[in-house]
Amino acid sequence: MTVILVDPRRPSLVPVEAVELLGGDVQYTEELPIKVPWSLPSGRPVFTGQDAPVLLSSDRQHPEVRARLSAGERLIAAPDPQSGERLVDAVAIMDKLRTAGPWESEQTHDSLRRYLLEETYELFDAVRGGNVDELREELGDVLLQVLFHARIAEEALHGFTIDDVADSLVRKLGNRVPAVLAGESISLEDQLAQWEQRKAAENLGKSNRISCVDDVPTAQPALALAQKVIARVTTAGLPPELIPASIVTVTVAAERDAENELRTDVLEFMDTVRAVERAIAANRRDTDAATELDAVAAMGAVSADEWRRHWPAPQAEPLELPLVPEVVTDDDVLDDVDLLRVDDDLDLPELADDLAVSELVDVEADHPSSVEPQ
């Protein structure tokens, strides 16, 4: 008497040692897909007639399975599920939702953006909170977003599947840390150096990566954006003193939009970096100005001296000039002469410091000392 347990996800796959037994009298439990018993030459449902020498099932908790095993019958079971088996179930559920769900079937990559951002922040909170149950749940929500986007991508003209996503990750990790995956002994410093070297080599093969600040996601929070950009330019050899203080030190005040101000400063700094890189490329070609060739030219290593030599000089702060007293001309005085009365005993020296009155004195020399209104 033998009990054969198959994997409920792949019930058609049976252990090799059980194949011969399935050719005789076999009973099967009701949860098995109909195609399985139909493939049995002498299969019949459990609880019909006398017990068959072989019981086929995918449910270890089935009453008949438990009874026979308790009686000491031989067990032939498929290998235990490997880690990641439930991911296959998650992919299948996502496919069903995309196909039959009224809401899921209408979503696009763009419409899901806010959910991806929201779930990511919730995962951050769960990590910070330290609650294992919340962390597991939020990781599942982020996984849902990955599966959702991958399922939508299947429908594109040049689409890809979740397996393509996994394959891309496996290939990247295989290239970045081959020593670790090969079981070799490697220090932390050597692993990090190997990662950066191989990452840089990958980026050289990407035609759309010209500047050291290219492909930095600018939609991330301003502080994270500033940190990423500073790390990029520092790795590229930019001297620290060329990094603006406005993106190194952030001032937060109730009446100011610190987030937007910092983002603006970082984006302007990125534009400056790109402009300087073009100038360096042009100088290396012994030309006076950058050309369209810079868009496809590989920069290579840039020295600190090159950065400094081509970095734009800081603009001088606008000078606030003191207010200048209004100068009254002869014509101005003549126009308003009917409004003035100059007394003979006017003490002119006391008004000598007043520029307008000084001009009036010049006019008095050429006109009568007493002017009566007409």
Protein backbone atom coordinates (compact mmCIF):
# COMPACT_ATOMS: atom_id res chain seq x y z
CA MET A 1 0.00 0.00 0.00
CA THR A 2 1.41 3.34 -1.06
CA VAL A 3 0.45 7.00 -0.82
CA ILE A 4 1.76 9.26 -3.60
CA LEU A 5 1.78 13.00 -2.84
CA VAL A 6 2.29 15.40 -5.74
CA ASP A 7 2.90 19.15 -5.76
CA PRO A 8 -0.49 20.96 -5.81
CA ARG A 9 0.98 23.58 -8.16
CA ARG A 10 2.23 20.97 -10.62
CA PRO A 11 0.12 17.86 -10.02
CA SER A 12 1.11 16.35 -13.35
CA LEU A 13 4.71 16.00 -12.20
CA VAL A 14 5.23 12.83 -10.20
CA PRO A 15 8.36 11.34 -8.63
CA VAL A 16 10.15 8.85 -10.86
CA GLU A 17 9.70 5.98 -8.41
CA ALA A 18 5.92 6.46 -8.53
CA VAL A 19 5.49 6.24 -12.30
CA GLU A 20 5.28 2.44 -12.41
CA LEU A 21 2.75 2.33 -9.57
CA LEU A 22 0.32 4.63 -11.40
CA GLY A 23 -0.21 2.02 -14.10
CA GLY A 24 -2.29 -0.21 -11.82
CA ASP A 25 -5.33 0.23 -9.59
CA VAL A 26 -5.20 3.80 -8.23
CA GLN A 27 -7.56 5.92 -6.16
CA TYR A 28 -7.31 9.70 -6.21
CA THR A 29 -8.56 12.50 -3.99
CA GLU A 30 -11.11 15.00 -5.24
CA GLU A 31 -8.94 18.17 -5.28
CA LEU A 32 -6.80 16.94 -8.17
CA PRO A 33 -7.46 18.58 -11.58
CA ILE A 34 -9.60 16.37 -13.81
CA LYS A 35 -6.78 15.94 -16.33
CA VAL A 36 -4.77 13.98 -13.75
CA PRO A 37 -7.23 11.10 -13.15
CA TRP A 38 -8.06 11.00 -16.85
CA SER A 39 -4.44 10.15 -17.52
CA LEU A 40 -4.60 7.12 -15.17
CA PRO A 41 -5.38 3.78 -16.85
CA SER A 42 -7.29 2.46 -13.81
CA GLY A 43 -8.03 5.52 -11.71
CA ARG A 44 -11.12 5.89 -9.52
CA PRO A 45 -12.22 8.38 -6.84
CA VAL A 46 -11.34 7.80 -3.22
CA PHE A 47 -14.01 6.15 -1.02
CA THR A 48 -15.29 4.06 -3.93
CA GLY A 49 -15.05 0.31 -3.47
CA GLN A 50 -12.22 -1.30 -1.58
CA ASP A 51 -9.02 0.58 -0.93
CA ALA A 52 -6.71 0.51 -3.94
CA PRO A 53 -3.04 -0.37 -3.48
CA VAL A 54 -2.15 3.21 -4.43
CA LEU A 55 -3.67 6.51 -3.30
CA LEU A 56 -2.77 9.63 -5.33
CA SER A 57 -3.27 13.05 -3.74
CA SER A 58 -1.91 16.58 -3.52
CA ASP A 59 -3.35 17.26 -0.06
CA ARG A 60 -1.32 15.94 2.86
CA GLN A 61 -4.15 16.91 5.24
CA HIS A 62 -6.83 14.91 3.40
CA PRO A 63 -8.55 12.49 5.88
CA GLU A 64 -7.82 9.40 3.78
CA VAL A 65 -4.19 10.40 3.28
CA ARG A 66 -3.72 10.94 6.99
CA ALA A 67 -5.45 7.66 7.83
CA ARG A 68 -3.28 5.61 5.48
CA LEU A 69 -0.07 7.27 6.61
CA SER A 70 -1.06 6.69 10.22
CA ALA A 71 -1.51 3.03 9.33
CA GLY A 72 2.12 2.92 8.21
CA GLU A 73 1.69 2.89 4.44
CA ARG A 74 4.67 3.82 2.28
CA LEU A 75 4.92 7.48 1.23
CA ILE A 76 6.32 8.74 -2.07
CA ALA A 77 6.23 12.54 -2.11
CA ALA A 78 7.34 15.25 -4.47
CA PRO A 79 10.23 17.38 -3.20
CA ASP A 80 9.29 20.09 -0.73
CA PRO A 81 8.56 23.48 -2.33
CA GLN A 82 11.63 25.63 -2.79
CA SER A 83 11.90 29.22 -1.61
CA GLY A 84 10.00 31.45 -4.01
CA GLU A 85 7.26 28.97 -4.88
CA ARG A 86 4.58 31.38 -3.67
CA LEU A 87 5.91 34.02 -6.03
CA VAL A 88 4.58 31.86 -8.84
CA ASP A 89 1.16 31.97 -7.19
CA ALA A 90 1.39 35.76 -6.87
CA VAL A 91 2.20 36.07 -10.58
CA ALA A 92 -0.80 33.89 -11.45
CA ILE A 93 -3.13 35.96 -9.26
CA MET A 94 -1.88 39.19 -10.83
CA ASP A 95 -2.51 37.77 -14.28
CA LYS A 96 -6.07 36.85 -13.28
CA LEU A 97 -6.73 40.31 -11.85
CA ARG A 98 -5.37 42.05 -14.94
CA THR A 99 -7.55 39.88 -17.15
CA ALA A 100 -10.82 39.88 -15.20
CA GLY A 101 -10.63 42.78 -12.76
CA PRO A 102 -12.58 45.88 -13.91
CA TRP A 103 -10.22 48.25 -12.08
CA GLU A 104 -6.98 46.35 -12.71
CA SER A 105 -7.66 46.02 -16.44
CA GLU A 106 -7.84 49.81 -16.87
CA GLN A 107 -4.61 50.73 -15.09
CA THR A 108 -1.47 51.98 -16.84
CA HIS A 109 2.12 52.52 -15.78
CA ASP A 110 1.34 56.20 -15.31
CA SER A 111 -1.85 55.68 -13.29
CA LEU A 112 0.03 53.43 -10.85
CA ARG A 113 2.81 55.90 -10.15
CA ARG A 114 1.19 57.42 -7.08
CA TYR A 115 0.49 53.98 -5.60
CA LEU A 116 4.10 52.95 -6.08
CA LEU A 117 5.28 56.09 -4.32
CA GLU A 118 2.74 55.69 -1.52
CA GLU A 119 3.63 52.03 -0.91
CA THR A 120 7.33 52.86 -0.90
CA TYR A 121 6.88 55.48 1.81
CA GLU A 122 4.76 53.07 3.83
CA LEU A 123 7.57 50.53 3.56
CA PHE A 124 10.00 53.18 4.84
CA ASP A 125 7.76 53.71 7.86
CA ALA A 126 7.56 49.97 8.50
CA VAL A 127 11.35 49.65 8.39
CA ARG A 128 11.69 52.53 10.82
CA GLY A 129 8.97 51.15 13.10
CA GLY A 130 10.63 47.77 13.43
CA ASN A 131 7.37 45.77 13.45
CA VAL A 132 8.05 42.50 11.61
CA ASP A 133 4.41 41.91 10.66
CA GLU A 134 4.04 45.41 9.20
CA LEU A 135 7.33 45.04 7.35
CA ARG A 136 6.19 41.77 5.77
CA GLU A 137 2.88 43.30 4.71
CA GLU A 138 4.43 46.44 3.22
CA LEU A 139 7.02 44.40 1.32
CA GLY A 140 4.09 42.50 -0.17
CA ASP A 141 2.45 45.76 -1.25
CA VAL A 142 5.64 46.87 -3.00
CA LEU A 143 5.91 43.44 -4.63
CA LEU A 144 2.37 43.90 -5.93
CA GLN A 145 3.48 47.07 -7.69
CA VAL A 146 6.38 45.22 -9.32
CA LEU A 147 4.11 42.41 -10.50
CA PHE A 148 1.46 44.90 -11.69
CA HIS A 149 3.88 46.94 -13.80
CA ALA A 150 5.44 43.79 -15.25
CA ARG A 151 2.01 42.42 -16.19
CA ILE A 152 1.06 45.69 -17.89
CA ALA A 153 4.36 45.62 -19.78
CA GLU A 154 3.42 42.27 -21.34
CA GLU A 155 0.78 44.07 -23.40
CA ALA A 156 3.16 46.63 -24.92
CA LEU A 157 4.37 46.43 -28.52
CA HIS A 158 7.88 45.58 -27.37
CA GLY A 159 6.88 44.21 -24.01
CA PHE A 160 8.53 42.06 -21.40
CA THR A 161 7.42 39.66 -18.68
CA ILE A 162 8.12 39.25 -14.98
CA ASP A 163 10.63 36.55 -15.96
CA ASP A 164 12.47 39.13 -18.06
CA VAL A 165 12.58 41.41 -15.03
CA ALA A 166 14.02 38.62 -12.89
CA ASP A 167 16.48 37.68 -15.63
CA SER A 168 17.70 41.27 -15.83
CA LEU A 169 18.32 41.28 -12.09
CA VAL A 170 20.10 37.92 -12.11
CA ARG A 171 22.37 39.02 -14.94
CA LYS A 172 23.18 42.31 -13.24
CA LEU A 173 24.07 40.66 -9.93
CA GLY A 174 26.07 38.00 -11.73
CA ASN A 175 28.13 40.68 -13.42
CA ARG A 176 28.50 42.97 -10.41
CA VAL A 177 29.57 40.42 -7.77
CA PRO A 178 30.93 37.36 -9.61
CA ALA A 179 33.45 36.56 -6.89
CA VAL A 180 30.81 36.30 -4.17
CA LEU A 181 28.48 34.20 -6.32
CA ALA A 182 31.37 31.91 -7.26
CA GLY A 183 32.07 31.24 -3.60
CA GLU A 184 35.39 33.04 -3.55
CA SER A 185 36.70 34.84 -0.49
CA ILE A 186 36.64 38.61 -0.92
CA SER A 187 36.93 41.55 1.45
CA LEU A 188 34.28 44.21 1.85
CA GLU A 189 36.53 46.85 0.28
CA ASP A 190 37.28 44.65 -2.73
CA GLN A 191 33.62 43.81 -3.22
CA LEU A 192 32.59 47.48 -3.18
CA ALA A 193 35.42 48.37 -5.56
CA GLN A 194 34.46 45.54 -7.90
CA TRP A 195 30.83 46.66 -7.85
CA GLU A 196 31.68 50.26 -8.77
CA GLN A 197 34.15 49.24 -11.48
CA ARG A 198 31.73 46.90 -13.17
CA LYS A 199 28.88 49.38 -12.82
CA ALA A 200 31.01 52.05 -14.52
CA ALA A 201 31.84 49.61 -17.32
CA GLU A 202 28.13 48.91 -17.83
CA ASN A 203 27.35 52.62 -18.02
CA LEU A 204 29.97 53.16 -20.72
CA GLY A 205 27.93 50.92 -22.96
CA LYS A 206 24.82 53.06 -22.55
CA SER A 207 24.70 55.72 -25.26
CA ASN A 208 22.26 57.85 -23.28
CA ARG A 209 24.66 58.20 -20.36
CA ILE A 210 26.97 61.13 -21.16
CA SER A 211 27.15 63.28 -18.04
CA CYS A 212 28.05 62.04 -14.58
CA VAL A 213 24.64 63.32 -13.43
CA ASP A 214 22.64 61.64 -16.19
CA ASP A 215 19.98 59.08 -15.21
CA VAL A 216 19.70 60.51 -11.69
CA PRO A 217 15.94 60.38 -10.95
CA THR A 218 14.94 64.01 -10.42
CA ALA A 219 11.46 63.16 -9.13
CA GLN A 220 12.82 61.90 -5.81
CA PRO A 221 12.63 64.15 -2.73
CA ALA A 222 14.91 67.16 -2.99
CA LEU A 223 17.16 66.13 -0.11
CA ALA A 224 17.67 62.64 -1.55
CA LEU A 225 18.27 64.21 -4.97
CA ALA A 226 20.93 66.52 -3.55
CA GLN A 227 22.64 63.64 -1.78
CA LYS A 228 22.67 61.52 -4.94
CA VAL A 229 23.99 64.34 -7.13
CA ILE A 230 26.74 65.21 -4.64
CA ALA A 231 27.80 61.56 -4.56
CA ARG A 232 27.87 61.43 -8.37
CA VAL A 233 29.95 64.57 -8.91
CA THR A 234 32.32 63.66 -6.09
CA THR A 235 32.93 60.27 -7.69
CA ALA A 236 33.52 62.09 -10.99
CA GLY A 237 36.34 64.10 -9.37
CA LEU A 238 34.61 67.44 -8.84
CA PRO A 239 36.46 69.37 -6.10
CA PRO A 240 34.25 69.84 -3.02
CA GLU A 241 34.69 73.61 -3.01
CA LEU A 242 32.83 73.84 -6.34
CA ILE A 243 29.66 72.37 -4.85
CA PRO A 244 27.34 75.28 -3.99
CA ALA A 245 26.68 75.90 -0.34
CA SER A 246 22.96 76.16 -1.16
CA ILE A 247 22.73 72.40 -1.77
CA VAL A 248 25.09 71.40 1.03
CA THR A 249 23.39 73.40 3.78
CA VAL A 250 19.61 73.62 3.80
CA THR A 251 17.72 76.31 5.67
CA VAL A 252 14.20 75.42 6.72
CA ALA A 253 11.83 78.20 7.67
CA ALA A 254 8.07 78.35 8.03
CA GLU A 255 7.68 81.09 5.45
CA ARG A 256 9.89 79.41 2.80
CA ASP A 257 9.39 76.45 0.47
CA ALA A 258 12.61 74.65 1.38
CA GLU A 259 11.79 71.59 -0.74
CA ASN A 260 11.26 73.57 -3.94
CA GLU A 261 14.20 75.90 -3.31
CA LEU A 262 16.59 73.00 -2.80
CA ARG A 263 15.28 71.15 -5.86
CA THR A 264 15.74 74.27 -8.00
CA ASP A 265 19.29 74.75 -6.75
CA VAL A 266 20.19 71.11 -7.41
CA LEU A 267 18.73 71.14 -10.94
CA GLU A 268 20.63 74.34 -11.75
CA PHE A 269 23.80 72.75 -10.39
CA MET A 270 23.24 69.70 -12.61
CA ASP A 271 22.90 71.99 -15.63
CA THR A 272 26.18 73.67 -14.70
CA VAL A 273 27.93 70.30 -14.41
CA ARG A 274 26.73 69.29 -17.87
CA ALA A 275 27.83 72.61 -19.37
CA VAL A 276 31.29 72.27 -17.83
CA GLU A 277 31.59 68.70 -19.10
CA ARG A 278 30.81 69.92 -22.62
CA ALA A 279 33.41 72.66 -22.27
CA ILE A 280 36.01 70.14 -21.12
CA ALA A 281 35.19 67.86 -24.05
CA ALA A 282 35.51 70.79 -26.45
CA ASN A 283 38.83 71.81 -24.94
CA ARG A 284 40.17 68.29 -25.30
CA ARG A 285 39.41 68.54 -29.02
CA ASP A 286 41.27 71.87 -29.11
CA THR A 287 38.12 73.75 -30.09
CA ASP A 288 36.67 76.90 -28.67
CA ALA A 289 33.10 75.72 -28.30
CA ALA A 290 31.22 72.51 -27.69
CA THR A 291 29.62 70.86 -30.72
CA GLU A 292 27.00 68.24 -31.29
CA LEU A 293 29.73 65.60 -31.08
CA ASP A 294 29.82 66.16 -27.33
CA ALA A 295 26.46 64.44 -27.07
CA VAL A 296 28.04 61.12 -27.98
CA ALA A 297 31.58 61.59 -26.75
CA ALA A 298 32.74 59.59 -23.77
CA MET A 299 34.15 61.93 -21.14
CA GLY A 300 36.40 59.50 -19.34
CA ALA A 301 38.20 60.67 -16.21
CA VAL A 302 38.14 64.40 -15.45
CA SER A 303 40.84 65.85 -13.23
CA ALA A 304 40.18 68.32 -10.44
CA ASP A 305 42.24 70.89 -12.35
CA GLU A 306 40.02 70.52 -15.42
CA TRP A 307 36.92 71.02 -13.31
CA ARG A 308 38.35 74.16 -11.73
CA ARG A 309 39.66 75.60 -15.00
CA HIS A 310 36.31 75.35 -16.78
CA TRP A 311 34.02 76.04 -13.84
CA PRO A 312 32.15 79.35 -14.29
CA ALA A 313 33.25 82.17 -12.01
CA PRO A 314 30.70 83.04 -9.33
CA GLN A 315 28.54 85.98 -10.26
CA ALA A 316 29.09 89.12 -8.23
CA GLU A 317 26.29 90.15 -5.94
CA PRO A 318 24.40 93.21 -7.23
CA LEU A 319 25.66 96.39 -5.53
CA GLU A 320 23.02 98.51 -3.84
CA LEU A 321 23.80 102.15 -4.65
CA PRO A 322 22.91 104.92 -2.17
CA LEU A 323 20.09 107.22 -3.06
CA VAL A 324 21.34 110.24 -5.06
CA PRO A 325 19.65 113.61 -4.40
CA GLU A 326 17.66 114.86 -7.34
CA VAL A 327 19.54 117.49 -9.32
CA VAL A 328 17.49 120.52 -10.26
CA THR A 329 18.53 122.10 -13.56
CA ASP A 330 18.23 125.70 -14.67
CA ASP A 331 15.24 124.83 -16.81
CA ASP A 332 13.52 123.21 -13.84
CA VAL A 333 13.97 126.38 -11.79
CA LEU A 334 12.70 128.61 -14.58
CA ASP A 335 9.62 126.45 -14.97
CA ASP A 336 8.81 126.79 -11.29
CA VAL A 337 10.07 130.34 -10.75
CA ASP A 338 6.56 131.71 -10.29
CA LEU A 339 6.27 129.55 -7.18
CA LEU A 340 9.37 130.95 -5.50
CA ARG A 341 10.15 134.15 -3.63
CA VAL A 342 13.83 134.85 -2.94
CA ASP A 343 14.25 137.33 -0.11
CA ASP A 344 17.12 139.78 -0.10
CA ASP A 345 18.19 138.63 3.35
CA LEU A 346 18.22 134.90 2.43
CA ASP A 347 21.17 133.25 4.15
CA LEU A 348 22.50 131.28 1.18
CA PRO A 349 25.58 129.75 2.86
CA GLU A 350 23.31 127.76 5.21
CA LEU A 351 21.78 126.03 2.19
CA ALA A 352 25.01 125.41 0.33
CA ASP A 353 24.91 121.72 1.23
CA ASP A 354 21.57 121.31 -0.47
CA LEU A 355 22.20 120.56 -4.14
CA ALA A 356 18.84 121.83 -5.33
CA VAL A 357 19.25 125.18 -3.56
CA SER A 358 22.78 125.45 -4.89
CA GLU A 359 21.37 125.24 -8.39
CA LEU A 360 18.84 127.89 -7.41
CA VAL A 361 21.66 130.20 -6.38
CA ASP A 362 23.23 129.77 -9.82
CA VAL A 363 19.98 130.84 -11.39
CA GLU A 364 19.70 133.89 -9.07
CA ALA A 365 22.91 135.25 -10.46
CA ASP A 366 21.26 135.70 -13.85
CA HIS A 367 17.82 136.91 -12.70
CA PRO A 368 16.44 139.65 -10.46
CA SER A 369 16.83 138.95 -6.75
CA SER A 370 13.17 139.50 -6.14
CA VAL A 371 10.64 137.84 -8.33
CA GLU A 372 7.02 138.73 -7.84
CA PRO A 373 4.35 136.28 -8.91
CA GLN A 374 2.54 137.49 -12.00
